């Protein structure tokens, strides 16, 4: 039976968070390996995607992870001073630096996921949203689900852009992730 929060809404578990952190790393390794088959110019070429290029879309994914993990870990031993910027900022122009930052973030996400407690997931989480210019409160489990959904959404855009250039990013199904 699915667990629910105090208002009867379905929620995720710490095991789910850890699974999605592993899936996130697995997919990022695959996507970045597929992107290695392109030249820097090809990765940065405007392909008409929401964030224009593969490179900028991957930077956007890192931006979202910086924002959410920074919020989730604030005041904890895992807190880091992640870069802050407006949406659409490319933190890294250099491919090697972007790859290294992605790998470091995936380490941080997995370390954070290992600390998640059910009680925290069941609680409400309040943050200031730069996008809406307001303080917001939502169930923590919903925001964690958003973190992973955001990653999957934009990686899907990247895999489409790769496919359009004849590059197969490989299997992307969660159920086929190696143990």
C-alpha atoms as a PDB file:
ATOM      1  CA  UNK A   1       0.000   0.000   0.000  1.00  0.00           C
ATOM      2  CA  UNK A   2       1.329   3.454  -0.907  1.00  0.00           C
ATOM      3  CA  UNK A   3       2.185   5.802   1.935  1.00  0.00           C
ATOM      4  CA  UNK A   4       0.420   9.140   2.127  1.00  0.00           C
ATOM      5  CA  UNK A   5       1.188  12.419   3.830  1.00  0.00           C
ATOM      6  CA  UNK A   6      -0.994  13.985   6.559  1.00  0.00           C
ATOM      7  CA  UNK A   7      -3.427  15.253   3.935  1.00  0.00           C
ATOM      8  CA  UNK A   8      -3.753  11.854   2.275  1.00  0.00           C
ATOM      9  CA  UNK A   9      -1.520  12.712  -0.677  1.00  0.00           C
ATOM     10  CA  UNK A  10       0.738   9.950  -2.019  1.00  0.00           C
ATOM     11  CA  UNK A  11       4.383  10.342  -1.121  1.00  0.00           C
ATOM     12  CA  UNK A  12       7.761   8.900  -1.909  1.00  0.00           C
ATOM     13  CA  UNK A  13      10.087   7.010   0.429  1.00  0.00           C
ATOM     14  CA  UNK A  14      13.786   7.350   1.285  1.00  0.00           C
ATOM     15  CA  UNK A  15      14.376   4.178  -0.772  1.00  0.00           C
ATOM     16  CA  UNK A  16      12.762   5.878  -3.779  1.00  0.00           C
ATOM     17  CA  UNK A  17      14.979   8.946  -3.351  1.00  0.00           C
ATOM     18  CA  UNK A  18      18.081   6.744  -3.241  1.00  0.00           C
ATOM     19  CA  UNK A  19      16.917   4.800  -6.308  1.00  0.00           C
ATOM     20  CA  UNK A  20      16.343   7.995  -8.261  1.00  0.00           C
ATOM     21  CA  UNK A  21      19.749   9.360  -7.210  1.00  0.00           C
ATOM     22  CA  UNK A  22      21.385   6.214  -8.616  1.00  0.00           C
ATOM     23  CA  UNK A  23      19.262   6.451 -11.777  1.00  0.00           C
ATOM     24  CA  UNK A  24      20.219  10.109 -12.134  1.00  0.00           C
ATOM     25  CA  UNK A  25      23.937   9.265 -12.033  1.00  0.00           C
ATOM     26  CA  UNK A  26      23.555   6.313 -14.402  1.00  0.00           C
ATOM     27  CA  UNK A  27      21.702   8.416 -16.953  1.00  0.00           C
ATOM     28  CA  UNK A  28      24.098  11.344 -16.673  1.00  0.00           C
ATOM     29  CA  UNK A  29      27.063   9.041 -17.287  1.00  0.00           C
ATOM     30  CA  UNK A  30      25.321   7.660 -20.392  1.00  0.00           C
ATOM     31  CA  UNK A  31      24.227  11.043 -21.709  1.00  0.00           C
ATOM     32  CA  UNK A  32      27.619  12.654 -21.205  1.00  0.00           C
ATOM     33  CA  UNK A  33      29.338   9.657 -22.866  1.00  0.00           C
ATOM     34  CA  UNK A  34      27.014  10.026 -25.857  1.00  0.00           C
ATOM     35  CA  UNK A  35      27.722  13.768 -25.980  1.00  0.00           C
ATOM     36  CA  UNK A  36      31.453  13.002 -26.161  1.00  0.00           C
ATOM     37  CA  UNK A  37      30.810  11.790 -29.717  1.00  0.00           C
ATOM     38  CA  UNK A  38      30.006  15.369 -30.744  1.00  0.00           C
ATOM     39  CA  UNK A  39      32.383  18.229 -31.265  1.00  0.00           C
ATOM     40  CA  UNK A  40      32.190  21.210 -28.942  1.00  0.00           C
ATOM     41  CA  UNK A  41      30.580  23.210 -31.751  1.00  0.00           C
ATOM     42  CA  UNK A  42      27.947  20.498 -32.248  1.00  0.00           C
ATOM     43  CA  UNK A  43      27.135  20.406 -28.514  1.00  0.00           C
ATOM     44  CA  UNK A  44      26.815  24.195 -28.449  1.00  0.00           C
ATOM     45  CA  UNK A  45      24.895  24.547 -31.712  1.00  0.00           C
ATOM     46  CA  UNK A  46      21.403  26.024 -31.390  1.00  0.00           C
ATOM     47  CA  UNK A  47      19.077  23.149 -32.241  1.00  0.00           C
ATOM     48  CA  UNK A  48      15.871  24.981 -31.366  1.00  0.00           C
ATOM     49  CA  UNK A  49      15.460  23.266 -27.994  1.00  0.00           C
ATOM     50  CA  UNK A  50      14.049  25.204 -25.040  1.00  0.00           C
ATOM     51  CA  UNK A  51      17.585  25.957 -23.840  1.00  0.00           C
ATOM     52  CA  UNK A  52      18.767  26.006 -27.460  1.00  0.00           C
ATOM     53  CA  UNK A  53      21.711  23.576 -27.380  1.00  0.00           C
ATOM     54  CA  UNK A  54      22.746  20.325 -25.747  1.00  0.00           C
ATOM     55  CA  UNK A  55      25.443  22.195 -23.829  1.00  0.00           C
ATOM     56  CA  UNK A  56      23.029  24.810 -22.480  1.00  0.00           C
ATOM     57  CA  UNK A  57      20.418  22.181 -21.596  1.00  0.00           C
ATOM     58  CA  UNK A  58      23.022  20.262 -19.584  1.00  0.00           C
ATOM     59  CA  UNK A  59      24.006  23.524 -17.876  1.00  0.00           C
ATOM     60  CA  UNK A  60      20.327  24.099 -17.060  1.00  0.00           C
ATOM     61  CA  UNK A  61      20.090  20.662 -15.453  1.00  0.00           C
ATOM     62  CA  UNK A  62      23.057  21.555 -13.274  1.00  0.00           C
ATOM     63  CA  UNK A  63      21.417  24.907 -12.445  1.00  0.00           C
ATOM     64  CA  UNK A  64      18.257  23.147 -11.237  1.00  0.00           C
ATOM     65  CA  UNK A  65      20.257  20.701  -9.154  1.00  0.00           C
ATOM     66  CA  UNK A  66      22.301  23.539  -7.623  1.00  0.00           C
ATOM     67  CA  UNK A  67      19.115  25.382  -6.706  1.00  0.00           C
ATOM     68  CA  UNK A  68      17.240  22.442  -5.180  1.00  0.00           C
ATOM     69  CA  UNK A  69      20.103  20.649  -3.479  1.00  0.00           C
ATOM     70  CA  UNK A  70      21.280  23.978  -2.076  1.00  0.00           C
ATOM     71  CA  UNK A  71      17.843  24.489  -0.570  1.00  0.00           C
ATOM     72  CA  UNK A  72      17.476  20.924   0.697  1.00  0.00           C
ATOM     73  CA  UNK A  73      20.888  20.826   2.382  1.00  0.00           C
ATOM     74  CA  UNK A  74      20.935  24.369   3.785  1.00  0.00           C
ATOM     75  CA  UNK A  75      22.019  24.284   7.418  1.00  0.00           C
ATOM     76  CA  UNK A  76      23.218  20.663   7.232  1.00  0.00           C
ATOM     77  CA  UNK A  77      26.656  19.085   7.145  1.00  0.00           C
ATOM     78  CA  UNK A  78      26.123  18.491   3.407  1.00  0.00           C
ATOM     79  CA  UNK A  79      25.541  22.180   2.626  1.00  0.00           C
ATOM     80  CA  UNK A  80      27.763  23.675  -0.051  1.00  0.00           C
ATOM     81  CA  UNK A  81      27.945  27.101  -1.541  1.00  0.00           C
ATOM     82  CA  UNK A  82      26.558  26.180  -4.932  1.00  0.00           C
ATOM     83  CA  UNK A  83      26.650  28.861  -7.635  1.00  0.00           C
ATOM     84  CA  UNK A  84      23.502  30.921  -7.928  1.00  0.00           C
ATOM     85  CA  UNK A  85      22.318  32.527 -11.129  1.00  0.00           C
ATOM     86  CA  UNK A  86      19.188  33.299 -13.089  1.00  0.00           C
ATOM     87  CA  UNK A  87      17.559  30.554 -15.120  1.00  0.00           C
ATOM     88  CA  UNK A  88      19.265  30.038 -18.465  1.00  0.00           C
ATOM     89  CA  UNK A  89      22.768  30.793 -17.175  1.00  0.00           C
ATOM     90  CA  UNK A  90      25.512  28.587 -18.554  1.00  0.00           C
ATOM     91  CA  UNK A  91      27.784  28.039 -15.567  1.00  0.00           C
ATOM     92  CA  UNK A  92      30.423  26.276 -17.654  1.00  0.00           C
ATOM     93  CA  UNK A  93      31.460  26.997 -21.231  1.00  0.00           C
ATOM     94  CA  UNK A  94      34.219  24.397 -21.099  1.00  0.00           C
ATOM     95  CA  UNK A  95      33.023  20.813 -21.683  1.00  0.00           C
ATOM     96  CA  UNK A  96      35.524  19.224 -19.278  1.00  0.00           C
ATOM     97  CA  UNK A  97      34.514  21.636 -16.508  1.00  0.00           C
ATOM     98  CA  UNK A  98      30.804  20.951 -17.116  1.00  0.00           C
ATOM     99  CA  UNK A  99      31.430  17.186 -16.999  1.00  0.00           C
ATOM    100  CA  UNK A 100      33.402  17.474 -13.772  1.00  0.00           C
ATOM    101  CA  UNK A 101      30.731  19.669 -12.171  1.00  0.00           C
ATOM    102  CA  UNK A 102      28.038  17.158 -13.192  1.00  0.00           C
ATOM    103  CA  UNK A 103      29.956  14.256 -11.652  1.00  0.00           C
ATOM    104  CA  UNK A 104      30.508  16.243  -8.435  1.00  0.00           C
ATOM    105  CA  UNK A 105      26.811  17.131  -8.266  1.00  0.00           C
ATOM    106  CA  UNK A 106      25.835  13.495  -8.759  1.00  0.00           C
ATOM    107  CA  UNK A 107      28.123  12.626  -5.830  1.00  0.00           C
ATOM    108  CA  UNK A 108      26.374  15.279  -3.746  1.00  0.00           C
ATOM    109  CA  UNK A 109      22.896  14.074  -4.731  1.00  0.00           C
ATOM    110  CA  UNK A 110      23.717  10.493  -3.780  1.00  0.00           C
ATOM    111  CA  UNK A 111      25.278  11.576  -0.469  1.00  0.00           C
ATOM    112  CA  UNK A 112      22.191  13.676   0.299  1.00  0.00           C
ATOM    113  CA  UNK A 113      19.800  10.879  -0.720  1.00  0.00           C
ATOM    114  CA  UNK A 114      21.537   8.534   1.714  1.00  0.00           C
ATOM    115  CA  UNK A 115      20.573  10.882   4.587  1.00  0.00           C
ATOM    116  CA  UNK A 116      16.883  11.281   3.760  1.00  0.00           C
ATOM    117  CA  UNK A 117      14.443  10.361   6.514  1.00  0.00           C
ATOM    118  CA  UNK A 118      10.772   9.584   6.038  1.00  0.00           C
ATOM    119  CA  UNK A 119       9.849  12.284   8.584  1.00  0.00           C
ATOM    120  CA  UNK A 120      11.557  14.944   6.473  1.00  0.00           C
ATOM    121  CA  UNK A 121       9.787  13.758   3.332  1.00  0.00           C
ATOM    122  CA  UNK A 122       6.465  13.933   5.196  1.00  0.00           C
ATOM    123  CA  UNK A 123       7.100  17.518   6.322  1.00  0.00           C
ATOM    124  CA  UNK A 124       6.383  20.750   4.515  1.00  0.00           C
ATOM    125  CA  UNK A 125       9.317  22.613   2.992  1.00  0.00           C
ATOM    126  CA  UNK A 126       9.451  26.400   2.640  1.00  0.00           C
ATOM    127  CA  UNK A 127      11.780  28.216   0.251  1.00  0.00           C
ATOM    128  CA  UNK A 128      12.075  31.473  -1.617  1.00  0.00           C
ATOM    129  CA  UNK A 129      11.468  31.067  -5.333  1.00  0.00           C
ATOM    130  CA  UNK A 130      13.434  33.404  -7.537  1.00  0.00           C
ATOM    131  CA  UNK A 131      11.194  32.408 -10.453  1.00  0.00           C
ATOM    132  CA  UNK A 132       7.940  33.481  -8.775  1.00  0.00           C
ATOM    133  CA  UNK A 133       9.578  36.073  -6.497  1.00  0.00           C
ATOM    134  CA  UNK A 134       7.706  34.642  -3.525  1.00  0.00           C
ATOM    135  CA  UNK A 135       8.083  32.414  -0.509  1.00  0.00           C
ATOM    136  CA  UNK A 136       6.457  29.063  -1.153  1.00  0.00           C
ATOM    137  CA  UNK A 137       5.625  25.978   0.896  1.00  0.00           C
ATOM    138  CA  UNK A 138       5.014  22.487  -0.488  1.00  0.00           C
ATOM    139  CA  UNK A 139       5.420  18.944   0.833  1.00  0.00           C
ATOM    140  CA  UNK A 140       9.113  18.005   0.814  1.00  0.00           C
ATOM    141  CA  UNK A 141       8.378  14.713  -0.981  1.00  0.00           C
ATOM    142  CA  UNK A 142       6.735  16.616  -3.833  1.00  0.00           C
ATOM    143  CA  UNK A 143       9.753  18.888  -4.265  1.00  0.00           C
ATOM    144  CA  UNK A 144      12.138  15.922  -4.252  1.00  0.00           C
ATOM    145  CA  UNK A 145       9.982  14.226  -6.885  1.00  0.00           C
ATOM    146  CA  UNK A 146      10.179  17.489  -8.845  1.00  0.00           C
ATOM    147  CA  UNK A 147      13.990  17.486  -8.629  1.00  0.00           C
ATOM    148  CA  UNK A 148      14.180  14.061 -10.261  1.00  0.00           C
ATOM    149  CA  UNK A 149      11.341  14.716 -12.719  1.00  0.00           C
ATOM    150  CA  UNK A 150      13.079  17.925 -13.859  1.00  0.00           C
ATOM    151  CA  UNK A 151      16.251  15.955 -14.558  1.00  0.00           C
ATOM    152  CA  UNK A 152      14.393  13.274 -16.514  1.00  0.00           C
ATOM    153  CA  UNK A 153      12.459  15.864 -18.522  1.00  0.00           C
ATOM    154  CA  UNK A 154      15.512  17.780 -19.708  1.00  0.00           C
ATOM    155  CA  UNK A 155      17.671  14.685 -20.229  1.00  0.00           C
ATOM    156  CA  UNK A 156      14.867  13.502 -22.513  1.00  0.00           C
ATOM    157  CA  UNK A 157      15.332  16.670 -24.538  1.00  0.00           C
ATOM    158  CA  UNK A 158      19.070  15.978 -24.751  1.00  0.00           C
ATOM    159  CA  UNK A 159      18.522  12.364 -25.845  1.00  0.00           C
ATOM    160  CA  UNK A 160      16.216  13.638 -28.595  1.00  0.00           C
ATOM    161  CA  UNK A 161      18.852  16.110 -29.765  1.00  0.00           C
ATOM    162  CA  UNK A 162      21.455  13.342 -29.721  1.00  0.00           C
ATOM    163  CA  UNK A 163      19.168  11.020 -31.696  1.00  0.00           C
ATOM    164  CA  UNK A 164      18.604  13.734 -34.277  1.00  0.00           C
ATOM    165  CA  UNK A 165      22.373  13.737 -34.810  1.00  0.00           C
ATOM    166  CA  UNK A 166      22.536   9.965 -35.203  1.00  0.00           C
ATOM    167  CA  UNK A 167      23.815   9.228 -31.703  1.00  0.00           C
ATOM    168  CA  UNK A 168      22.131   6.549 -29.613  1.00  0.00           C
ATOM    169  CA  UNK A 169      22.298   7.451 -25.907  1.00  0.00           C
ATOM    170  CA  UNK A 170      21.505   3.848 -25.002  1.00  0.00           C
ATOM    171  CA  UNK A 171      18.826   2.398 -22.778  1.00  0.00           C
ATOM    172  CA  UNK A 172      17.122   4.995 -20.598  1.00  0.00           C
ATOM    173  CA  UNK A 173      14.472   2.910 -18.833  1.00  0.00           C
ATOM    174  CA  UNK A 174      14.602   2.885 -15.041  1.00  0.00           C
ATOM    175  CA  UNK A 175      13.645  -0.777 -14.946  1.00  0.00           C
ATOM    176  CA  UNK A 176      16.731  -1.643 -17.045  1.00  0.00           C
ATOM    177  CA  UNK A 177      19.227   0.214 -14.870  1.00  0.00           C
ATOM    178  CA  UNK A 178      22.031  -2.148 -13.834  1.00  0.00           C
ATOM    179  CA  UNK A 179      22.078  -3.116 -10.149  1.00  0.00           C
END
